[in-house]
Protein backbone atom coordinates (compact mmCIF):
# COMPACT_ATOMS: atom_id res chain seq x y z
CA MET A 1 -43.58 7.66 69.54
CA PRO A 2 -45.55 9.27 66.71
CA GLU A 3 -44.82 7.95 63.25
CA SER A 4 -43.77 11.39 61.88
CA VAL A 5 -41.10 11.74 64.58
CA HIS A 6 -39.78 8.25 63.76
CA LYS A 7 -39.54 9.15 60.02
CA ASP A 8 -37.70 12.41 60.82
CA THR A 9 -35.21 10.53 63.00
CA ALA A 10 -34.59 7.95 60.23
CA ARG A 11 -34.12 10.72 57.63
CA THR A 12 -31.72 12.57 59.94
CA ALA A 13 -29.71 9.38 60.50
CA MET A 14 -29.55 8.69 56.74
CA ALA A 15 -28.50 12.27 56.02
CA ARG A 16 -25.82 12.12 58.72
CA SER A 17 -24.57 8.80 57.32
CA PHE A 18 -24.47 10.27 53.79
CA TYR A 19 -22.54 13.35 54.95
CA ASP A 20 -20.11 11.16 56.90
CA TRP A 21 -19.49 9.13 53.75
CA VAL A 22 -18.99 12.27 51.62
CA GLU A 23 -16.63 13.73 54.24
CA ALA A 24 -14.54 10.54 54.26
CA ALA A 25 -14.42 10.50 50.45
CA VAL A 26 -13.35 14.16 50.25
CA PHE A 27 -10.62 13.72 52.89
CA SER A 28 -9.39 10.58 51.09
CA LEU A 29 -9.28 12.39 47.77
CA VAL A 30 -7.41 15.35 49.28
CA GLY A 31 -4.96 12.93 50.91
CA ILE A 32 -4.33 11.13 47.62
CA VAL A 33 -3.80 14.42 45.78
CA LEU A 34 -1.32 15.59 48.44
CA VAL A 35 0.60 12.30 48.32
CA PHE A 36 0.86 12.35 44.52
CA THR A 37 1.77 16.04 44.50
CA PHE A 38 4.44 16.09 47.20
CA LEU A 39 5.59 12.53 47.90
CA ILE A 40 5.36 10.35 44.80
CA ARG A 41 4.63 10.59 41.10
CA ILE A 42 4.02 8.05 38.38
CA VAL A 43 5.95 8.31 35.12
CA GLY A 44 6.11 6.18 31.97
CA VAL A 45 9.27 5.12 30.19
CA LYS A 46 9.61 6.28 26.58
CA GLY A 47 12.31 4.92 24.29
CA PRO A 48 15.11 2.36 24.61
CA SER A 49 17.79 4.44 26.35
CA MET A 50 17.51 2.65 29.72
CA GLU A 51 17.42 -0.93 28.40
CA ASN A 52 18.11 -3.54 29.90
CA THR A 53 17.03 -1.96 33.18
CA LEU A 54 13.83 -0.24 32.03
CA PHE A 55 11.78 -0.78 28.90
CA GLU A 56 9.30 1.18 26.78
CA ASN A 57 5.96 1.67 28.61
CA ASP A 58 7.24 0.59 32.04
CA ARG A 59 5.52 2.65 34.76
CA LEU A 60 7.62 3.92 37.65
CA LEU A 61 6.97 5.53 41.01
CA LEU A 62 9.18 8.53 41.73
CA THR A 63 9.93 10.20 45.01
CA ASN A 64 11.29 13.69 45.44
CA MET A 65 10.88 14.46 49.14
CA PHE A 66 14.22 15.56 50.61
CA TYR A 67 15.98 13.98 47.64
CA THR A 68 19.65 14.58 46.85
CA PRO A 69 20.99 12.80 43.74
CA GLU A 70 23.57 10.08 44.28
CA ARG A 71 25.69 8.11 41.83
CA GLY A 72 23.72 5.18 40.42
CA ASP A 73 20.25 6.66 41.02
CA ILE A 74 17.73 6.46 38.20
CA VAL A 75 16.20 9.92 37.87
CA VAL A 76 13.60 11.73 35.81
CA ILE A 77 14.74 15.05 34.39
CA ASN A 78 12.33 17.82 33.45
CA ARG A 79 13.15 19.28 30.04
CA TYR A 80 10.21 21.72 30.20
CA VAL A 81 9.39 21.81 26.49
CA GLU A 82 10.13 18.16 25.62
CA GLU A 83 9.41 14.75 27.13
CA PRO A 84 11.18 14.20 30.46
CA LEU A 85 14.35 12.10 30.36
CA ILE A 86 14.90 9.00 32.47
CA LYS A 87 18.61 8.44 33.06
CA ARG A 88 21.15 7.15 35.58
CA VAL A 89 23.27 9.55 37.61
CA ILE A 90 26.90 8.80 36.80
CA ALA A 91 28.66 11.73 38.47
CA VAL A 92 27.65 14.31 41.09
CA ALA A 93 29.04 17.68 42.15
CA GLY A 94 32.80 17.60 42.70
CA ASP A 95 33.38 14.52 40.51
CA THR A 96 35.58 14.37 37.44
CA LEU A 97 34.64 12.08 34.60
CA GLU A 98 36.09 10.86 31.35
CA ILE A 99 35.44 8.01 28.95
CA ASP A 100 38.52 6.09 27.90
CA PRO A 101 38.50 6.18 24.08
CA GLU A 102 40.14 2.75 23.80
CA THR A 103 38.41 0.69 26.50
CA ARG A 104 35.19 2.79 26.48
CA GLN A 105 35.12 2.56 30.27
CA VAL A 106 33.79 5.38 32.37
CA ILE A 107 36.59 6.80 34.52
CA LEU A 108 35.19 8.53 37.60
CA ASN A 109 37.59 10.45 39.84
CA GLY A 110 40.50 8.56 38.28
CA GLU A 111 38.99 5.07 38.78
CA ALA A 112 37.55 2.83 36.06
CA GLN A 113 33.92 1.99 36.88
CA ASP A 114 32.42 -1.49 36.76
CA GLU A 115 28.96 -0.85 35.32
CA SER A 116 28.13 -4.46 34.48
CA ASP A 117 25.22 -4.46 36.97
CA TYR A 118 23.18 -2.19 34.74
CA THR A 119 24.65 -1.99 31.24
CA ASP A 120 25.64 -4.54 28.64
CA PHE A 121 26.37 -1.86 26.07
CA PRO A 122 29.79 -0.26 25.52
CA THR A 123 30.00 3.44 26.18
CA PRO A 124 30.76 5.33 22.99
CA PRO A 125 33.46 7.95 23.49
CA ILE A 126 32.40 11.55 23.83
CA ASP A 127 33.76 14.37 21.71
CA VAL A 128 35.50 15.99 24.67
CA THR A 129 38.86 14.34 25.27
CA GLU A 130 39.60 16.04 28.58
CA GLU A 131 38.09 15.35 31.97
CA ILE A 132 34.67 16.78 32.69
CA TYR A 133 34.32 18.44 36.07
CA VAL A 134 30.82 18.42 37.59
CA PRO A 135 30.21 21.72 39.43
CA GLU A 136 27.97 22.27 42.45
CA GLY A 137 24.27 22.02 41.60
CA TYR A 138 24.75 19.69 38.61
CA VAL A 139 24.94 15.99 37.76
CA PHE A 140 26.18 14.00 34.77
CA VAL A 141 23.67 11.40 33.53
CA MET A 142 23.71 8.57 30.99
CA GLY A 143 21.24 5.96 29.82
CA ASP A 144 22.01 2.31 30.48
CA HIS A 145 21.80 1.53 26.73
CA ARG A 146 24.88 3.60 26.04
CA THR A 147 24.86 3.34 22.24
CA ASN A 148 21.21 4.40 22.06
CA SER A 149 20.98 7.13 24.68
CA HIS A 150 20.68 10.88 24.36
CA ASP A 151 22.24 12.08 27.62
CA SER A 152 24.90 14.30 29.22
CA ARG A 153 27.38 13.28 26.52
CA SER A 154 25.29 15.32 24.06
CA ALA A 155 26.02 19.02 23.84
CA ASP A 156 22.30 19.91 23.85
CA ILE A 157 21.79 18.17 27.21
CA GLY A 158 25.19 18.35 28.89
CA LEU A 159 25.35 18.61 32.64
CA VAL A 160 21.90 18.53 34.26
CA ARG A 161 20.88 20.99 36.94
CA VAL A 162 19.84 19.27 40.16
CA LYS A 163 16.79 21.54 40.33
CA ASP A 164 15.61 20.02 37.01
CA ILE A 165 15.43 16.55 38.53
CA VAL A 166 11.77 15.68 39.08
CA GLY A 167 12.59 12.73 41.33
CA LYS A 168 14.27 9.39 41.84
CA ALA A 169 12.67 6.27 40.35
CA VAL A 170 12.23 3.85 43.24
CA PHE A 171 9.67 1.26 42.17
CA ARG A 172 8.40 -0.27 38.92
CA ILE A 173 4.61 -0.75 39.08
CA TRP A 174 4.08 -1.92 35.50
CA PRO A 175 4.32 -4.47 33.98
CA PHE A 176 3.22 -6.56 36.95
CA ARG A 177 5.63 -9.40 36.12
CA ASP A 178 8.57 -6.97 36.60
CA MET A 179 7.10 -5.09 39.58
CA GLY A 180 9.65 -4.27 42.24
CA PHE A 181 12.19 -1.84 43.64
CA LEU A 182 14.80 -0.41 41.32
């Protein structure tokens, strides 16, 4: 075999190998972009409103595929012009809610809630003394650090539209020592 033919074959093989590598890299990048666009997102925690569950600078993975909010879920809420909020869903469509002014317990659909799994802080009473009804398409959210949370109890936030929920926090990825499912 002439030497020039051998060099052309080697160059062709190297070029093919390079293009195969580039093709794999491009498909991988497209796959990663699609996953992070449609399946999961990463968000950072700002502020103390979710302590002792989440802390400042924790990093969370969110999912939003086929997601319907449920009581107890930790969600990220898009506020469009301000930082997103990370809060816990307390009541969903059809629920009634009140906060007992004496015991500071959350009363959901007539039943006092045991929230000791995620909050050590008493719930300050809200200004509204009557029951709050959550209509279709909305949720009522509160931070776990009840005395230091700006949430649905505030008139400027109030009930949150379900379509404003970016996703459900499912996994803490940072700090590594606290990594795990939420």
